[in-house]
Amino acid sequence: MAVTKQLKLQHLLWRAGFGPSSKTWQAWEKYPESSWWPRLRDAATVEPRIFDVVDGALGGLLMGVGELGKMENRKKRLSDDERKEARKQSRQALQSLNLIWLEEMVHTDAQLREKMAMFWHGHFASRNLNILYQQQLLHIFRTHALGNFKDLLRAVSKSAAMLAFLNNQQNKKQHPNENFAREVMELFTLGRGRYTENDIKEAARAFTGWGFKLDGAFVFRRVYHDTGEKTVLGKTGKFDGDDVLDILLDQRQTAHFIVRKLYRFLVNEDQIPRDDRVQQLADRFFDSGYEIMPLLEAIFTSNWFFEEENIGRKIKSPVELWVGMRRAMPLQLDDPEGQLILQRALGQVLLYPPNVAGWPGGRNWIDSTSLMLRLRLPHILAAQSEFDISPKDDDDQMMGRQGKSRLQKRMAASINWEPVLNLFSAQPEQMLIPQMARYFWQIPAAPPPLDTLKNHINSTSKEQQIQSIALQLMATPEYQLC
């Protein structure tokens, strides 16, 4: 069955962003196919504003917390109460940063930038309760999301959030710490099995002395650096950390590893990526000097990207599901902080990846509990009812929300139905369900029989009918895919 223009457009908007917006869909429908990519690209080239949630008082408190205060020989020591207060305020600021980024994903025209920033957030996963450092790292992702991978890798590798998370602040020539060197090779560049244990040991020596100041600025402490010769991936010299990054970037395997992972994220996570296609993209990526935007253009303007086998085959991550739902069905939330609990319940809390490997994705997004909540979510919003979860004993992931064995949250929201009504009010009644299914579902073939939906539709008025159809379609397994 031929893939329709509408389905192609929806496919692109889901993979290069967070799905169609009911407010702008009619305008997008009128654009010729040749203009889709340039519009997405150009909208994303505007320099992002920094999300600054750290006030002066909190910044001052954070600079006295933890071992950093000792390392900088601060004359003033914080009391236990001051440390506790600093951590509390940092958690609250992290929640604010989470919600600000979420709002940007929902409303920005720079959909491509935020989607790629989310990819890099999972690729360079870091959990850090210091809001100053996490804020800086998020800005790195958003600033370099579409630029050059070399610049991105170097900026992330020198960020306080990553250096602290992977213990490189403790990496000194007398006592080398291999955590940072190992993850740079295994997760950020080459991939597992493309290096030896000795390569890690030698690279760790090169990264000795890499650290950061209290304000998050990178610092190279020469007194802690091992100045001797090292041998990494067959090359020998008196390397420092920048030299090792250059050696890793000189490997075509790095381009191949990044492209293969990006292919699964943007194109198809179910099928094993075609080696010839990945190799061609990887060669292009490497030969360009790791320019990200030309790589994305090669993917999103190709004919194979729009093939039926790649459409509707990706399970939406919790953030993709929620942001896409808000773009399709604009909401005014009475309590935006409820989204923090919702992210936790669905299994993806922004700024809190589960570990340095990030979220595994795919079918890992779905279990019996999360699937039931996913299917109930549209009706929870419409009815302004409650959902509840059983939190794990992990205060980091709960973002400071400890409590009873179960957490309940009422999702009070006002739904702005006007954009959805504008899209479908002119449709004949007998065509409403199939036409709305084509919009809400990413199904290349003919939709399955929809007669059962009629038994759950409120037909009091055309307006009520459209609203109830939208809710029913979003409360289906089909809506979980994009």
Protein backbone atom coordinates (compact mmCIF):
# COMPACT_ATOMS: atom_id res chain seq x y z
CA MET A 1 0.00 0.00 0.00
CA ALA A 2 1.37 3.42 -0.97
CA VAL A 3 2.34 5.73 1.88
CA THR A 4 0.20 8.88 1.72
CA LYS A 5 1.55 12.42 1.87
CA GLN A 6 -0.22 12.93 5.19
CA LEU A 7 1.40 9.85 6.70
CA LYS A 8 4.83 10.91 5.44
CA LEU A 9 4.46 14.34 7.01
CA GLN A 10 3.30 12.93 10.33
CA HIS A 11 6.19 10.44 10.26
CA LEU A 12 8.72 13.25 9.76
CA LEU A 13 7.19 15.42 12.49
CA TRP A 14 7.27 12.53 14.96
CA ARG A 15 10.84 11.48 14.25
CA ALA A 16 12.36 14.96 13.80
CA GLY A 17 10.28 16.37 16.63
CA PHE A 18 7.49 15.48 19.02
CA GLY A 19 4.63 15.00 16.59
CA PRO A 20 2.14 17.26 14.79
CA SER A 21 0.65 20.22 16.60
CA SER A 22 -3.09 20.59 16.10
CA LYS A 23 -2.53 24.36 16.08
CA THR A 24 -0.22 24.30 13.04
CA TRP A 25 -1.24 21.11 11.23
CA GLN A 26 -3.40 22.84 8.61
CA ALA A 27 -0.48 25.08 7.62
CA TRP A 28 1.90 22.11 7.36
CA GLU A 29 -0.57 20.22 5.16
CA LYS A 30 -0.39 23.01 2.57
CA TYR A 31 3.40 22.98 2.29
CA PRO A 32 4.99 21.01 -0.57
CA GLU A 33 7.06 18.00 0.48
CA SER A 34 10.24 19.69 -0.72
CA SER A 35 9.82 22.39 1.93
CA TRP A 36 9.32 20.13 4.97
CA TRP A 37 12.96 19.56 5.83
CA PRO A 38 14.13 23.14 5.16
CA ARG A 39 11.39 24.45 7.46
CA LEU A 40 12.33 22.08 10.28
CA ARG A 41 16.03 22.78 9.77
CA ASP A 42 15.73 26.57 9.62
CA ALA A 43 13.46 26.78 12.66
CA ALA A 44 16.05 24.84 14.67
CA THR A 45 19.08 26.99 13.80
CA VAL A 46 18.13 29.80 16.20
CA GLU A 47 20.55 29.86 19.12
CA PRO A 48 18.80 28.45 22.19
CA ARG A 49 18.33 30.55 25.30
CA ILE A 50 19.84 29.13 28.46
CA PHE A 51 17.38 27.81 31.02
CA ASP A 52 18.71 29.60 34.10
CA VAL A 53 17.08 28.38 37.31
CA VAL A 54 20.00 29.05 39.67
CA ASP A 55 19.72 32.28 41.67
CA GLY A 56 22.67 33.85 43.42
CA ALA A 57 21.81 32.54 46.86
CA LEU A 58 21.49 28.95 45.67
CA GLY A 59 24.69 29.22 43.63
CA GLY A 60 26.56 30.39 46.69
CA LEU A 61 25.23 27.52 48.77
CA LEU A 62 26.11 24.93 46.13
CA MET A 63 29.69 26.10 46.00
CA GLY A 64 30.17 25.01 49.56
CA VAL A 65 28.66 21.54 49.30
CA GLY A 66 30.58 18.29 49.07
CA GLU A 67 34.22 17.60 48.48
CA LEU A 68 34.63 20.59 46.20
CA GLY A 69 34.69 22.88 49.21
CA LYS A 70 37.59 20.90 50.61
CA MET A 71 39.47 20.81 47.32
CA GLU A 72 39.25 24.59 46.92
CA ASN A 73 40.40 25.12 50.55
CA ARG A 74 37.46 27.36 51.31
CA LYS A 75 37.87 29.28 54.52
CA LYS A 76 34.18 29.19 55.26
CA ARG A 77 32.65 25.75 55.88
CA LEU A 78 28.93 25.16 55.58
CA SER A 79 27.05 23.75 58.51
CA ASP A 80 25.10 20.51 58.19
CA ASP A 81 21.86 22.52 58.01
CA GLU A 82 23.25 24.71 55.25
CA ARG A 83 24.31 21.65 53.26
CA LYS A 84 20.90 20.09 53.71
CA GLU A 85 19.22 23.30 52.59
CA ALA A 86 21.50 23.57 49.53
CA ARG A 87 20.63 20.05 48.42
CA LYS A 88 16.93 20.69 48.97
CA GLN A 89 17.02 23.87 46.91
CA SER A 90 19.06 22.14 44.21
CA ARG A 91 16.44 19.39 43.89
CA GLN A 92 13.70 21.99 43.62
CA ALA A 93 15.64 23.84 40.94
CA LEU A 94 16.16 20.56 39.06
CA GLN A 95 12.41 20.09 39.03
CA SER A 96 12.02 23.58 37.58
CA LEU A 97 14.64 22.87 34.91
CA ASN A 98 12.85 19.62 34.01
CA LEU A 99 9.52 21.41 33.56
CA ILE A 100 10.98 24.34 31.63
CA TRP A 101 12.58 21.97 29.14
CA LEU A 102 9.35 20.02 28.86
CA GLU A 103 7.44 23.21 28.01
CA GLU A 104 10.04 24.05 25.37
CA MET A 105 9.52 20.64 23.75
CA VAL A 106 5.77 21.23 23.62
CA HIS A 107 5.72 24.76 22.26
CA THR A 108 8.92 25.51 20.33
CA ASP A 109 9.15 25.66 16.56
CA ALA A 110 12.73 24.35 16.98
CA GLN A 111 11.42 20.80 17.29
CA LEU A 112 14.48 19.28 15.63
CA ARG A 113 16.86 20.91 18.09
CA GLU A 114 15.00 19.73 21.19
CA LYS A 115 14.53 16.22 19.79
CA MET A 116 18.24 15.90 19.12
CA ALA A 117 19.07 17.45 22.50
CA MET A 118 16.99 14.66 24.05
CA PHE A 119 18.94 12.09 22.03
CA TRP A 120 22.27 13.47 23.26
CA HIS A 121 20.87 13.64 26.79
CA GLY A 122 20.37 9.87 26.61
CA HIS A 123 23.67 9.26 24.84
CA PHE A 124 25.75 11.30 27.30
CA ALA A 125 23.70 10.26 30.31
CA SER A 126 24.56 11.98 33.58
CA ARG A 127 22.83 12.11 36.94
CA ASN A 128 23.95 14.94 39.16
CA LEU A 129 22.08 16.66 41.97
CA ASN A 130 24.06 19.86 41.50
CA ILE A 131 21.62 21.99 39.53
CA LEU A 132 24.35 24.40 38.43
CA TYR A 133 26.23 21.60 36.66
CA GLN A 134 23.12 19.95 35.19
CA GLN A 135 21.93 23.28 33.88
CA GLN A 136 25.27 23.80 32.15
CA LEU A 137 25.22 20.29 30.66
CA LEU A 138 21.69 20.69 29.29
CA HIS A 139 22.72 23.93 27.61
CA ILE A 140 25.64 22.09 26.00
CA PHE A 141 23.24 19.49 24.57
CA ARG A 142 20.88 22.15 23.23
CA THR A 143 23.65 24.39 21.87
CA HIS A 144 25.57 21.62 20.07
CA ALA A 145 22.60 19.36 19.24
CA LEU A 146 22.79 20.09 15.52
CA GLY A 147 26.37 21.30 15.23
CA ASN A 148 29.59 19.29 15.27
CA PHE A 149 29.98 16.06 17.25
CA LYS A 150 33.65 16.83 17.93
CA ASP A 151 32.68 20.05 19.67
CA LEU A 152 29.85 18.33 21.50
CA LEU A 153 32.06 15.48 22.72
CA ARG A 154 34.74 17.87 23.94
CA ALA A 155 32.24 20.15 25.69
CA VAL A 156 30.50 17.26 27.43
CA SER A 157 33.82 15.67 28.41
CA LYS A 158 34.91 18.90 30.07
CA SER A 159 31.60 19.59 31.80
CA ALA A 160 31.46 19.53 35.59
CA ALA A 161 28.35 17.32 35.50
CA MET A 162 30.06 14.55 33.53
CA LEU A 163 33.46 14.79 35.21
CA ALA A 164 31.78 14.58 38.63
CA PHE A 165 29.39 11.79 37.61
CA LEU A 166 32.26 9.65 36.29
CA ASN A 167 34.68 10.49 39.12
CA ASN A 168 37.36 12.16 37.05
CA GLN A 169 37.81 14.82 39.71
CA GLN A 170 39.52 12.01 41.66
CA ASN A 171 41.66 10.92 38.68
CA LYS A 172 45.24 11.75 39.67
CA LYS A 173 48.60 10.42 38.53
CA GLN A 174 49.20 8.75 41.89
CA HIS A 175 45.81 7.02 41.84
CA PRO A 176 44.29 6.83 38.32
CA ASN A 177 40.51 6.44 38.15
CA GLU A 178 39.34 4.62 35.02
CA ASN A 179 35.59 5.39 35.13
CA PHE A 180 35.64 8.39 32.81
CA ALA A 181 38.05 6.88 30.27
CA ARG A 182 36.02 3.65 30.12
CA GLU A 183 32.68 5.33 29.45
CA VAL A 184 34.13 7.75 26.91
CA MET A 185 35.22 4.73 24.88
CA GLU A 186 32.38 2.30 25.56
CA LEU A 187 29.34 4.59 25.53
CA PHE A 188 30.31 7.87 23.92
CA THR A 189 32.55 6.95 20.96
CA LEU A 190 33.74 3.46 19.97
CA GLY A 191 31.25 1.11 21.57
CA ARG A 192 31.90 -2.00 23.62
CA GLY A 193 34.59 -4.38 22.43
CA ARG A 194 36.44 -1.88 20.25
CA TYR A 195 39.27 -1.26 22.71
CA THR A 196 41.36 -3.17 25.24
CA GLU A 197 41.61 -2.88 29.00
CA ASN A 198 45.08 -1.48 28.53
CA ASP A 199 43.68 1.24 26.26
CA ILE A 200 41.41 2.26 29.15
CA LYS A 201 44.26 2.28 31.66
CA GLU A 202 46.43 4.38 29.37
CA ALA A 203 43.59 6.77 28.50
CA ALA A 204 42.80 7.21 32.20
CA ARG A 205 46.39 8.36 32.70
CA ALA A 206 45.89 10.92 29.93
CA PHE A 207 42.77 12.30 31.63
CA THR A 208 44.51 12.78 34.98
CA GLY A 209 44.24 16.37 36.13
CA TRP A 210 40.95 17.05 34.33
CA GLY A 211 38.59 18.67 36.82
CA PHE A 212 36.38 21.65 37.43
CA LYS A 213 36.01 24.69 39.65
CA LEU A 214 33.15 25.41 42.02
CA ASP A 215 31.30 27.35 39.32
CA GLY A 216 31.52 24.40 36.92
CA ALA A 217 34.32 25.82 34.76
CA PHE A 218 36.76 23.22 33.42
CA VAL A 219 40.26 23.29 34.91
CA PHE A 220 43.39 21.32 34.05
CA ARG A 221 45.42 20.73 37.21
CA ARG A 222 48.90 20.02 35.91
CA VAL A 223 50.16 18.92 39.31
CA TYR A 224 47.82 15.89 39.12
CA HIS A 225 48.58 15.05 35.47
CA ASP A 226 50.65 12.06 34.41
CA THR A 227 53.14 13.48 31.91
CA GLY A 228 54.60 10.12 30.88
CA GLU A 229 54.13 8.33 27.56
CA LYS A 230 50.89 6.46 26.95
CA THR A 231 49.81 4.07 24.23
CA VAL A 232 46.14 4.31 23.20
CA LEU A 233 44.69 2.38 20.25
CA GLY A 234 48.17 1.78 18.90
CA LYS A 235 49.35 5.39 19.11
CA THR A 236 52.08 6.44 21.56
CA GLY A 237 52.90 9.83 22.97
CA LYS A 238 52.78 12.05 26.03
CA PHE A 239 49.05 12.39 25.60
CA ASP A 240 46.61 14.50 27.58
CA GLY A 241 42.82 14.18 27.52
CA ASP A 242 42.35 16.27 24.37
CA ASP A 243 44.83 14.04 22.54
CA VAL A 244 42.85 10.93 23.52
CA LEU A 245 39.60 12.48 22.29
CA ASP A 246 41.34 13.24 18.97
CA ILE A 247 42.52 9.63 18.74
CA LEU A 248 38.97 8.38 19.35
CA LEU A 249 37.54 10.77 16.77
CA ASP A 250 40.12 9.61 14.23
CA GLN A 251 38.52 6.15 14.33
CA ARG A 252 35.83 5.56 11.71
CA GLN A 253 34.29 3.18 14.23
CA THR A 254 33.24 6.22 16.29
CA ALA A 255 31.19 7.56 13.37
CA HIS A 256 29.73 4.10 12.80
CA PHE A 257 28.77 3.71 16.47
CA ILE A 258 27.04 7.10 16.64
CA VAL A 259 25.21 6.65 13.33
CA ARG A 260 23.98 3.16 14.21
CA LYS A 261 22.55 4.43 17.49
CA LEU A 262 21.01 7.49 15.83
CA TYR A 263 19.49 5.30 13.11
CA ARG A 264 17.66 3.26 15.72
CA PHE A 265 16.45 6.46 17.40
CA LEU A 266 15.25 8.24 14.24
CA VAL A 267 14.46 5.51 11.73
CA ASN A 268 13.69 2.03 13.04
CA GLU A 269 14.40 0.50 16.44
CA ASP A 270 12.77 -2.86 15.69
CA GLN A 271 14.83 -4.02 12.74
CA ILE A 272 18.57 -4.56 12.75
CA PRO A 273 19.90 -1.52 10.89
CA ARG A 274 20.98 -2.30 7.35
CA ASP A 275 24.76 -2.41 7.41
CA ASP A 276 25.15 -0.89 3.96
CA ARG A 277 22.90 2.04 4.84
CA VAL A 278 24.55 2.67 8.20
CA GLN A 279 28.00 2.36 6.65
CA GLN A 280 27.16 4.88 3.95
CA LEU A 281 25.81 7.35 6.52
CA ALA A 282 28.78 6.75 8.83
CA ASP A 283 31.26 7.39 6.04
CA ARG A 284 29.46 10.62 5.21
CA PHE A 285 29.46 11.63 8.87
CA PHE A 286 33.17 10.89 9.30
CA ASP A 287 34.23 12.55 6.04
CA SER A 288 32.30 15.71 6.93
CA GLY A 289 34.32 16.07 10.12
CA TYR A 290 31.36 14.88 12.23
CA GLU A 291 28.86 17.55 11.11
CA ILE A 292 25.47 16.57 12.55
CA MET A 293 23.06 18.60 10.41
CA PRO A 294 24.20 17.14 7.04
CA LEU A 295 23.82 13.66 8.55
CA LEU A 296 20.25 14.44 9.58
CA GLU A 297 19.50 15.88 6.17
CA ALA A 298 20.74 12.68 4.54
CA ILE A 299 18.33 10.69 6.71
CA PHE A 300 15.24 12.89 6.60
CA THR A 301 15.36 13.64 2.86
CA SER A 302 16.01 10.05 1.77
CA ASN A 303 13.33 7.95 0.11
CA TRP A 304 13.99 4.99 2.41
CA PHE A 305 13.18 7.05 5.53
CA PHE A 306 9.56 7.19 4.36
CA GLU A 307 9.26 3.50 3.49
CA GLU A 308 6.34 1.67 5.08
CA GLU A 309 8.63 -0.58 7.14
CA ASN A 310 9.86 2.46 9.09
CA ILE A 311 6.50 4.06 9.88
CA GLY A 312 4.64 3.36 13.10
CA ARG A 313 7.34 0.95 14.28
CA LYS A 314 8.78 2.93 17.17
CA ILE A 315 7.36 2.79 20.70
CA LYS A 316 7.07 6.36 21.92
CA SER A 317 9.22 7.08 24.90
CA PRO A 318 7.28 8.49 27.87
CA VAL A 319 8.47 12.01 27.05
CA GLU A 320 7.56 11.60 23.36
CA LEU A 321 4.14 10.25 24.32
CA TRP A 322 3.36 13.04 26.79
CA VAL A 323 4.76 15.92 24.74
CA GLY A 324 3.08 14.59 21.59
CA MET A 325 -0.21 14.31 23.43
CA ARG A 326 0.07 17.91 24.61
CA ARG A 327 0.84 19.09 21.08
CA ALA A 328 -2.17 17.23 19.68
CA MET A 329 -4.45 18.22 22.55
CA PRO A 330 -3.29 21.55 24.03
CA LEU A 331 -3.53 21.62 27.83
CA GLN A 332 -3.50 24.17 30.59
CA LEU A 333 -2.23 22.31 33.66
CA ASP A 334 -3.40 23.48 37.08
CA ASP A 335 -0.35 21.90 38.71
CA PRO A 336 2.56 21.49 36.25
CA GLU A 337 4.61 19.69 38.91
CA GLY A 338 2.29 16.71 38.46
CA GLN A 339 4.28 16.03 35.29
CA LEU A 340 7.25 15.05 37.47
CA ILE A 341 5.26 12.26 39.06
CA LEU A 342 3.87 11.30 35.66
CA GLN A 343 7.38 10.99 34.20
CA ARG A 344 8.35 8.81 37.14
CA ALA A 345 5.27 6.64 36.70
CA LEU A 346 5.92 6.18 32.99
CA GLY A 347 9.64 5.46 33.46
CA GLN A 348 11.50 8.46 32.03
CA VAL A 349 12.39 11.46 34.19
CA LEU A 350 14.23 14.16 32.28
CA LEU A 351 17.65 14.92 33.82
CA TYR A 352 17.53 11.59 35.69
CA PRO A 353 18.67 8.81 33.35
CA PRO A 354 18.80 5.43 35.13
CA ASN A 355 22.59 5.10 34.71
CA VAL A 356 25.47 6.18 32.49
CA ALA A 357 24.13 4.00 29.65
CA GLY A 358 20.92 6.05 29.51
CA TRP A 359 17.45 4.68 28.84
CA PRO A 360 17.40 1.34 26.95
CA GLY A 361 14.27 2.35 25.02
CA GLY A 362 12.22 0.13 22.71
CA ARG A 363 10.06 -2.47 24.40
CA ASN A 364 11.64 -1.55 27.73
CA TRP A 365 9.25 1.39 27.83
CA ILE A 366 6.30 -0.96 28.22
CA ASP A 367 5.36 -3.17 31.15
CA SER A 368 1.96 -4.07 32.54
CA THR A 369 1.85 -1.07 34.87
CA SER A 370 3.13 1.60 32.51
CA LEU A 371 1.00 0.37 29.60
CA MET A 372 -2.18 0.60 31.66
CA LEU A 373 -1.30 4.17 32.66
CA ARG A 374 -0.47 5.08 29.06
CA LEU A 375 -3.87 3.82 27.91
CA ARG A 376 -5.72 5.57 30.75
CA LEU A 377 -3.88 8.87 30.46
CA PRO A 378 -6.19 10.67 27.97
CA HIS A 379 -9.23 9.90 30.09
CA ILE A 380 -7.39 10.81 33.31
CA LEU A 381 -6.80 14.24 31.79
CA ALA A 382 -10.34 14.64 30.50
CA ALA A 383 -11.87 13.59 33.83
CA GLN A 384 -9.22 15.38 35.92
CA SER A 385 -8.90 12.20 37.94
CA GLU A 386 -6.01 10.57 39.85
CA PHE A 387 -3.32 8.09 38.99
CA ASP A 388 -1.06 6.40 41.51
CA ILE A 389 2.35 4.72 41.50
CA SER A 390 4.54 2.70 43.81
CA PRO A 391 7.84 4.59 44.06
CA LYS A 392 11.18 2.85 44.35
CA ASP A 393 13.55 3.65 47.19
CA ASP A 394 15.52 6.08 45.05
CA ASP A 395 15.23 9.66 46.18
CA ASP A 396 17.27 10.86 43.21
CA GLN A 397 14.74 9.52 40.74
CA MET A 398 11.85 10.68 42.92
CA MET A 399 13.38 14.18 42.80
CA GLY A 400 13.05 14.60 46.56
CA ARG A 401 9.50 13.26 46.72
CA GLN A 402 9.71 10.57 49.36
CA GLY A 403 6.65 9.34 51.15
CA LYS A 404 4.25 6.46 51.54
CA SER A 405 4.37 3.19 49.66
CA ARG A 406 2.07 4.65 46.99
CA LEU A 407 1.86 8.13 45.52
CA GLN A 408 -1.34 9.57 44.15
CA LYS A 409 -1.58 12.57 41.87
CA ARG A 410 -4.58 14.32 40.43
CA MET A 411 -3.98 15.57 36.89
CA ALA A 412 -6.12 18.68 36.74
CA ALA A 413 -5.98 20.25 33.30
CA SER A 414 -8.11 22.33 30.99
CA ILE A 415 -8.11 20.95 27.47
CA ASN A 416 -8.22 23.48 24.64
CA TRP A 417 -10.32 21.59 22.11
CA GLU A 418 -10.56 24.44 19.59
CA PRO A 419 -7.57 23.41 17.40
CA VAL A 420 -8.84 19.81 17.19
CA LEU A 421 -12.36 20.95 16.42
CA ASN A 422 -11.02 23.21 13.67
CA LEU A 423 -9.33 20.22 12.04
CA PHE A 424 -12.34 17.92 11.93
CA SER A 425 -15.60 19.84 12.35
CA ALA A 426 -16.10 20.03 8.58
CA GLN A 427 -15.84 16.24 8.17
CA PRO A 428 -19.09 14.32 7.48
CA GLU A 429 -20.14 12.33 10.54
CA GLN A 430 -19.53 8.96 8.88
CA MET A 431 -15.95 9.99 8.05
CA LEU A 432 -14.99 11.37 11.46
CA ILE A 433 -13.58 8.19 12.98
CA PRO A 434 -11.45 7.06 9.99
CA GLN A 435 -10.19 10.59 9.28
CA MET A 436 -9.26 11.19 12.92
CA ALA A 437 -7.63 7.75 13.12
CA ARG A 438 -5.39 8.71 10.19
CA TYR A 439 -4.30 11.78 12.14
CA PHE A 440 -3.74 10.21 15.57
CA TRP A 441 -2.39 6.82 14.46
CA GLN A 442 0.77 6.11 12.47
CA ILE A 443 -0.49 3.06 10.55
CA PRO A 444 0.72 2.70 6.95
CA ALA A 445 -1.91 0.11 6.03
CA ALA A 446 -5.66 0.59 6.27
CA PRO A 447 -6.74 1.15 9.92
CA PRO A 448 -8.21 -1.89 11.69
CA PRO A 449 -12.00 -2.08 12.05
CA LEU A 450 -13.17 0.88 14.11
CA ASP A 451 -16.80 -0.10 14.61
CA THR A 452 -16.24 -0.88 18.29
CA LEU A 453 -15.23 2.73 18.85
CA LYS A 454 -18.77 3.85 18.04
CA ASN A 455 -20.03 2.19 21.20
CA HIS A 456 -17.89 4.54 23.30
CA ILE A 457 -18.51 7.81 21.48
CA ASN A 458 -20.53 10.68 22.92
CA SER A 459 -22.76 11.72 20.03
CA THR A 460 -24.68 14.43 21.88
CA SER A 461 -23.21 17.00 19.52
CA LYS A 462 -20.59 17.21 16.80
CA GLU A 463 -18.25 18.86 19.28
CA GLN A 464 -18.70 16.12 21.88
CA GLN A 465 -18.31 13.51 19.20
CA ILE A 466 -14.93 14.85 18.04
CA GLN A 467 -13.68 15.15 21.61
CA SER A 468 -14.67 11.63 22.57
CA ILE A 469 -13.21 10.14 19.36
CA ALA A 470 -9.89 11.89 20.02
CA LEU A 471 -9.76 10.55 23.58
CA GLN A 472 -10.64 7.03 22.48
CA LEU A 473 -8.02 7.02 19.72
CA MET A 474 -5.29 8.21 22.08
CA ALA A 475 -6.27 5.53 24.60
CA THR A 476 -5.27 2.69 22.27
CA PRO A 477 -2.19 0.54 21.70
CA GLU A 478 -1.90 2.05 18.21
CA TYR A 479 -1.30 5.53 19.66
CA GLN A 480 1.73 4.25 21.56
CA LEU A 481 3.59 3.92 18.25
CA CYS A 482 5.06 6.52 15.94
